[in-house]
Amino acid sequence: MAFPTVARALQVVTNSSTSYGNFLDYSGELRPNDSYSRQTTVKNFYEDSEALFQQRNPLDILHHATNDKISTFHGISGRFVAGKSEKSAQQDLSTLNNKARTAGTDTTY
């Protein structure tokens, strides 16, 4: 399955936490998207299933790990990086960094 536009390493590590011990997220986005809309992203990449989208979306996975107090992500390190002029990426990566830290990863932004 091809991944829509998103930090692919983050999507892989949240969906399979033993895949990588470390990850880098350069100018990533808050949620997977196909550059058109959430509706087309869900349709084209998640079998038109909102439930499947939420099951594989890094932000939702990190949120559930935090709420359920699951230690899946302890021992994983990550770095979120955005350029000075990438305001949207800065906001998205700050949110992802905070959520990843809360879920147990050792991350910096």
N, C-alpha and C. Protein backbone atom coordinates (compact mmCIF):
# COMPACT_ATOMS: atom_id res chain seq x y z
N MET A 1 0.84 -1.18 0.00
CA MET A 1 0.00 0.00 0.00
C MET A 1 0.88 1.24 0.00
N ALA A 2 0.62 2.15 -0.87
CA ALA A 2 1.34 3.42 -0.88
C ALA A 2 0.79 4.30 0.23
N PHE A 3 1.66 5.09 0.81
CA PHE A 3 1.23 6.01 1.84
C PHE A 3 0.93 7.37 1.23
N PRO A 4 -0.11 8.04 1.69
CA PRO A 4 -0.35 9.40 1.24
C PRO A 4 0.72 10.32 1.82
N THR A 5 0.68 11.58 1.42
CA THR A 5 1.66 12.54 1.88
C THR A 5 1.59 12.67 3.39
N VAL A 6 2.62 12.28 4.06
CA VAL A 6 2.77 12.41 5.51
C VAL A 6 4.18 11.96 5.82
N ALA A 7 4.65 12.23 6.98
CA ALA A 7 5.96 11.75 7.37
C ALA A 7 5.90 10.23 7.41
N ARG A 8 6.38 9.59 6.40
CA ARG A 8 6.23 8.14 6.29
C ARG A 8 6.91 7.39 7.42
N ALA A 9 8.06 7.84 7.86
CA ALA A 9 8.74 7.15 8.96
C ALA A 9 7.88 7.19 10.22
N LEU A 10 7.24 8.32 10.49
CA LEU A 10 6.36 8.41 11.65
C LEU A 10 5.16 7.48 11.48
N GLN A 11 4.62 7.41 10.28
CA GLN A 11 3.48 6.52 10.05
C GLN A 11 3.90 5.06 10.24
N VAL A 12 5.08 4.71 9.77
CA VAL A 12 5.56 3.34 9.94
C VAL A 12 5.80 3.03 11.42
N VAL A 13 6.49 3.92 12.13
CA VAL A 13 6.83 3.64 13.52
C VAL A 13 5.59 3.59 14.42
N THR A 14 4.58 4.39 14.13
CA THR A 14 3.38 4.33 14.96
C THR A 14 2.53 3.10 14.64
N ASN A 15 2.59 2.63 13.42
CA ASN A 15 1.83 1.44 13.04
C ASN A 15 2.57 0.14 13.34
N SER A 16 3.89 0.22 13.49
CA SER A 16 4.71 -0.95 13.79
C SER A 16 5.91 -0.48 14.60
N SER A 17 5.72 -0.36 15.89
CA SER A 17 6.71 0.30 16.76
C SER A 17 8.06 -0.41 16.81
N THR A 18 8.14 -1.63 16.35
CA THR A 18 9.43 -2.33 16.35
C THR A 18 10.18 -2.17 15.03
N SER A 19 9.60 -1.44 14.09
CA SER A 19 10.24 -1.25 12.78
C SER A 19 11.51 -0.44 12.86
N TYR A 20 11.46 0.65 13.61
CA TYR A 20 12.61 1.55 13.76
C TYR A 20 12.80 1.87 15.23
N GLY A 21 14.03 2.10 15.61
CA GLY A 21 14.30 2.59 16.96
C GLY A 21 14.32 4.10 16.99
N ASN A 22 14.52 4.69 15.82
CA ASN A 22 14.60 6.14 15.69
C ASN A 22 13.87 6.56 14.41
N PHE A 23 13.43 7.80 14.38
CA PHE A 23 12.82 8.31 13.16
C PHE A 23 13.09 9.81 13.03
N LEU A 24 13.04 10.28 11.80
CA LEU A 24 13.16 11.71 11.48
C LEU A 24 11.92 12.12 10.72
N ASP A 25 11.34 13.22 11.09
CA ASP A 25 10.16 13.76 10.41
C ASP A 25 10.50 15.16 9.92
N TYR A 26 10.79 15.27 8.64
CA TYR A 26 11.13 16.56 8.04
C TYR A 26 9.91 17.15 7.37
N SER A 27 9.48 18.29 7.85
CA SER A 27 8.38 19.04 7.24
C SER A 27 7.12 18.20 7.06
N GLY A 28 6.87 17.32 8.01
CA GLY A 28 5.70 16.46 7.92
C GLY A 28 4.40 17.20 8.19
N GLU A 29 3.32 16.50 7.99
CA GLU A 29 1.99 17.06 8.19
C GLU A 29 1.28 16.34 9.32
N LEU A 30 0.30 16.99 9.89
CA LEU A 30 -0.40 16.47 11.06
C LEU A 30 -1.08 15.14 10.80
N ARG A 31 -1.68 15.01 9.63
CA ARG A 31 -2.41 13.78 9.28
C ARG A 31 -2.06 13.37 7.86
N PRO A 32 -2.19 12.08 7.55
CA PRO A 32 -2.02 11.65 6.16
C PRO A 32 -3.01 12.39 5.27
N ASN A 33 -2.55 12.78 4.10
CA ASN A 33 -3.47 13.41 3.15
C ASN A 33 -2.96 13.24 1.73
N ASP A 34 -3.88 13.36 0.80
CA ASP A 34 -3.53 13.21 -0.62
C ASP A 34 -3.43 14.55 -1.33
N SER A 35 -3.36 15.62 -0.56
CA SER A 35 -3.27 17.00 -1.06
C SER A 35 -4.59 17.52 -1.61
N TYR A 36 -5.66 16.76 -1.49
CA TYR A 36 -6.96 17.22 -1.96
C TYR A 36 -7.91 17.43 -0.78
N SER A 37 -8.29 16.36 -0.13
CA SER A 37 -9.22 16.46 1.00
C SER A 37 -9.13 15.22 1.87
N ARG A 38 -9.65 15.32 3.07
CA ARG A 38 -9.70 14.15 3.95
C ARG A 38 -10.56 13.07 3.31
N GLN A 39 -11.67 13.48 2.71
CA GLN A 39 -12.59 12.52 2.08
C GLN A 39 -11.89 11.71 1.00
N THR A 40 -11.14 12.36 0.12
CA THR A 40 -10.46 11.61 -0.94
C THR A 40 -9.29 10.80 -0.38
N THR A 41 -8.65 11.30 0.67
CA THR A 41 -7.58 10.53 1.31
C THR A 41 -8.14 9.22 1.86
N VAL A 42 -9.23 9.32 2.60
CA VAL A 42 -9.87 8.13 3.18
C VAL A 42 -10.33 7.19 2.08
N LYS A 43 -10.91 7.73 1.04
CA LYS A 43 -11.40 6.90 -0.06
C LYS A 43 -10.26 6.20 -0.79
N ASN A 44 -9.21 6.94 -1.14
CA ASN A 44 -8.14 6.41 -1.98
C ASN A 44 -7.09 5.58 -1.25
N PHE A 45 -6.90 5.83 0.03
CA PHE A 45 -5.82 5.14 0.74
C PHE A 45 -6.30 4.26 1.90
N TYR A 46 -7.55 4.42 2.32
CA TYR A 46 -8.04 3.69 3.49
C TYR A 46 -9.36 3.00 3.20
N GLU A 47 -9.49 2.51 1.97
CA GLU A 47 -10.65 1.70 1.57
C GLU A 47 -11.98 2.39 1.88
N ASP A 48 -11.98 3.72 1.82
CA ASP A 48 -13.17 4.53 2.09
C ASP A 48 -13.70 4.28 3.50
N SER A 49 -12.79 3.98 4.43
CA SER A 49 -13.18 3.66 5.80
C SER A 49 -12.54 4.66 6.77
N GLU A 50 -13.37 5.49 7.38
CA GLU A 50 -12.89 6.44 8.39
C GLU A 50 -12.27 5.69 9.57
N ALA A 51 -12.85 4.56 9.93
CA ALA A 51 -12.31 3.76 11.03
C ALA A 51 -10.90 3.27 10.72
N LEU A 52 -10.66 2.84 9.49
CA LEU A 52 -9.33 2.39 9.09
C LEU A 52 -8.36 3.57 9.08
N PHE A 53 -8.80 4.71 8.60
CA PHE A 53 -7.97 5.92 8.64
C PHE A 53 -7.53 6.20 10.07
N GLN A 54 -8.46 6.23 11.01
CA GLN A 54 -8.14 6.52 12.40
C GLN A 54 -7.25 5.45 13.01
N GLN A 55 -7.42 4.20 12.58
CA GLN A 55 -6.60 3.10 13.08
C GLN A 55 -5.15 3.25 12.66
N ARG A 56 -4.90 3.87 11.50
CA ARG A 56 -3.54 3.99 10.96
C ARG A 56 -2.95 5.39 11.04
N ASN A 57 -3.72 6.36 11.46
CA ASN A 57 -3.27 7.74 11.54
C ASN A 57 -2.35 7.92 12.75
N PRO A 58 -1.10 8.36 12.54
CA PRO A 58 -0.17 8.52 13.65
C PRO A 58 -0.71 9.33 14.82
N LEU A 59 -1.39 10.44 14.56
CA LEU A 59 -1.91 11.27 15.64
C LEU A 59 -2.93 10.51 16.47
N ASP A 60 -3.82 9.77 15.83
CA ASP A 60 -4.81 8.97 16.57
C ASP A 60 -4.13 7.84 17.35
N ILE A 61 -3.15 7.20 16.75
CA ILE A 61 -2.43 6.11 17.43
C ILE A 61 -1.72 6.63 18.68
N LEU A 62 -1.04 7.76 18.55
CA LEU A 62 -0.34 8.35 19.70
C LEU A 62 -1.34 8.78 20.77
N HIS A 63 -2.46 9.31 20.36
CA HIS A 63 -3.51 9.73 21.30
C HIS A 63 -4.02 8.52 22.10
N HIS A 64 -4.30 7.42 21.41
CA HIS A 64 -4.80 6.22 22.10
C HIS A 64 -3.74 5.64 23.03
N ALA A 65 -2.48 5.65 22.60
CA ALA A 65 -1.41 5.13 23.44
C ALA A 65 -1.30 5.95 24.72
N THR A 66 -1.49 7.24 24.62
CA THR A 66 -1.44 8.12 25.79
C THR A 66 -2.62 7.86 26.71
N ASN A 67 -3.81 7.84 26.14
CA ASN A 67 -5.01 7.65 26.96
C ASN A 67 -5.08 6.27 27.59
N ASP A 68 -4.61 5.26 26.87
CA ASP A 68 -4.65 3.89 27.37
C ASP A 68 -3.43 3.54 28.21
N LYS A 69 -2.50 4.49 28.33
CA LYS A 69 -1.26 4.31 29.08
C LYS A 69 -0.48 3.08 28.60
N ILE A 70 -0.43 2.91 27.27
CA ILE A 70 0.31 1.82 26.64
C ILE A 70 1.75 2.27 26.46
N SER A 71 2.71 1.41 26.78
CA SER A 71 4.13 1.78 26.69
C SER A 71 4.76 1.37 25.37
N THR A 72 3.97 1.25 24.32
CA THR A 72 4.44 0.81 23.01
C THR A 72 5.61 1.62 22.49
N PHE A 73 5.65 2.91 22.78
CA PHE A 73 6.62 3.79 22.15
C PHE A 73 7.81 4.15 23.03
N HIS A 74 7.89 3.59 24.23
CA HIS A 74 9.05 3.83 25.09
C HIS A 74 10.28 3.22 24.43
N GLY A 75 11.39 3.95 24.43
CA GLY A 75 12.62 3.48 23.81
C GLY A 75 12.79 3.92 22.38
N ILE A 76 11.79 4.61 21.82
CA ILE A 76 11.88 5.13 20.46
C ILE A 76 12.24 6.60 20.53
N SER A 77 13.21 7.00 19.70
CA SER A 77 13.62 8.40 19.63
C SER A 77 13.24 8.99 18.29
N GLY A 78 12.91 10.27 18.29
CA GLY A 78 12.54 10.91 17.04
C GLY A 78 12.87 12.38 17.03
N ARG A 79 13.01 12.93 15.84
CA ARG A 79 13.28 14.35 15.65
C ARG A 79 12.29 14.90 14.64
N PHE A 80 11.67 16.00 14.99
CA PHE A 80 10.75 16.71 14.10
C PHE A 80 11.44 18.00 13.66
N VAL A 81 11.53 18.22 12.36
CA VAL A 81 12.26 19.37 11.82
C VAL A 81 11.41 20.08 10.76
N ALA A 82 11.32 21.40 10.88
CA ALA A 82 10.63 22.21 9.87
C ALA A 82 11.45 23.47 9.62
N GLY A 83 11.41 23.94 8.39
CA GLY A 83 12.13 25.15 8.02
C GLY A 83 11.48 26.40 8.60
N LYS A 84 12.24 27.49 8.65
CA LYS A 84 11.76 28.74 9.22
C LYS A 84 10.52 29.28 8.52
N SER A 85 10.41 29.07 7.24
CA SER A 85 9.27 29.62 6.49
C SER A 85 8.10 28.64 6.37
N GLU A 86 8.23 27.46 6.94
CA GLU A 86 7.19 26.43 6.84
C GLU A 86 6.25 26.51 8.05
N LYS A 87 5.43 27.54 8.07
CA LYS A 87 4.56 27.80 9.23
C LYS A 87 3.60 26.65 9.52
N SER A 88 2.99 26.11 8.49
CA SER A 88 2.06 25.00 8.68
C SER A 88 2.77 23.78 9.25
N ALA A 89 3.94 23.45 8.68
CA ALA A 89 4.71 22.31 9.17
C ALA A 89 5.18 22.55 10.60
N GLN A 90 5.56 23.77 10.94
CA GLN A 90 5.98 24.08 12.30
C GLN A 90 4.86 23.79 13.29
N GLN A 91 3.67 24.23 12.96
CA GLN A 91 2.53 24.00 13.84
C GLN A 91 2.21 22.51 13.95
N ASP A 92 2.17 21.83 12.80
CA ASP A 92 1.85 20.40 12.79
C ASP A 92 2.89 19.59 13.56
N LEU A 93 4.17 19.89 13.32
CA LEU A 93 5.23 19.11 13.97
C LEU A 93 5.32 19.39 15.46
N SER A 94 5.03 20.60 15.86
CA SER A 94 4.98 20.90 17.29
C SER A 94 3.90 20.06 17.97
N THR A 95 2.74 19.97 17.34
CA THR A 95 1.65 19.15 17.86
C THR A 95 2.05 17.68 17.91
N LEU A 96 2.62 17.17 16.82
CA LEU A 96 3.05 15.76 16.79
C LEU A 96 4.14 15.48 17.81
N ASN A 97 5.08 16.40 17.96
CA ASN A 97 6.15 16.23 18.95
C ASN A 97 5.56 16.12 20.36
N ASN A 98 4.66 17.02 20.69
CA ASN A 98 4.05 16.98 22.02
C ASN A 98 3.28 15.69 22.25
N LYS A 99 2.53 15.25 21.24
CA LYS A 99 1.75 14.02 21.38
C LYS A 99 2.68 12.81 21.47
N ALA A 100 3.75 12.79 20.68
CA ALA A 100 4.70 11.67 20.71
C ALA A 100 5.40 11.60 22.07
N ARG A 101 5.79 12.75 22.61
CA ARG A 101 6.43 12.76 23.93
C ARG A 101 5.48 12.24 25.00
N THR A 102 4.24 12.67 24.93
CA THR A 102 3.23 12.22 25.89
C THR A 102 3.01 10.71 25.79
N ALA A 103 3.17 10.17 24.58
CA ALA A 103 2.98 8.73 24.37
C ALA A 103 4.23 7.92 24.75
N GLY A 104 5.32 8.60 25.14
CA GLY A 104 6.48 7.88 25.63
C GLY A 104 7.72 7.91 24.77
N THR A 105 7.67 8.56 23.61
CA THR A 105 8.88 8.64 22.79
C THR A 105 9.80 9.73 23.31
N ASP A 106 11.06 9.61 22.99
CA ASP A 106 12.06 10.63 23.32
C ASP A 106 12.23 11.47 22.06
N THR A 107 11.49 12.58 21.97
CA THR A 107 11.52 13.39 20.76
C THR A 107 11.92 14.82 21.04
N THR A 108 12.38 15.48 19.99
CA THR A 108 12.62 16.92 20.04
C THR A 108 12.05 17.54 18.78
N TYR A 109 11.75 18.82 18.92
CA TYR A 109 11.28 19.58 17.78
C TYR A 109 12.15 20.81 17.67
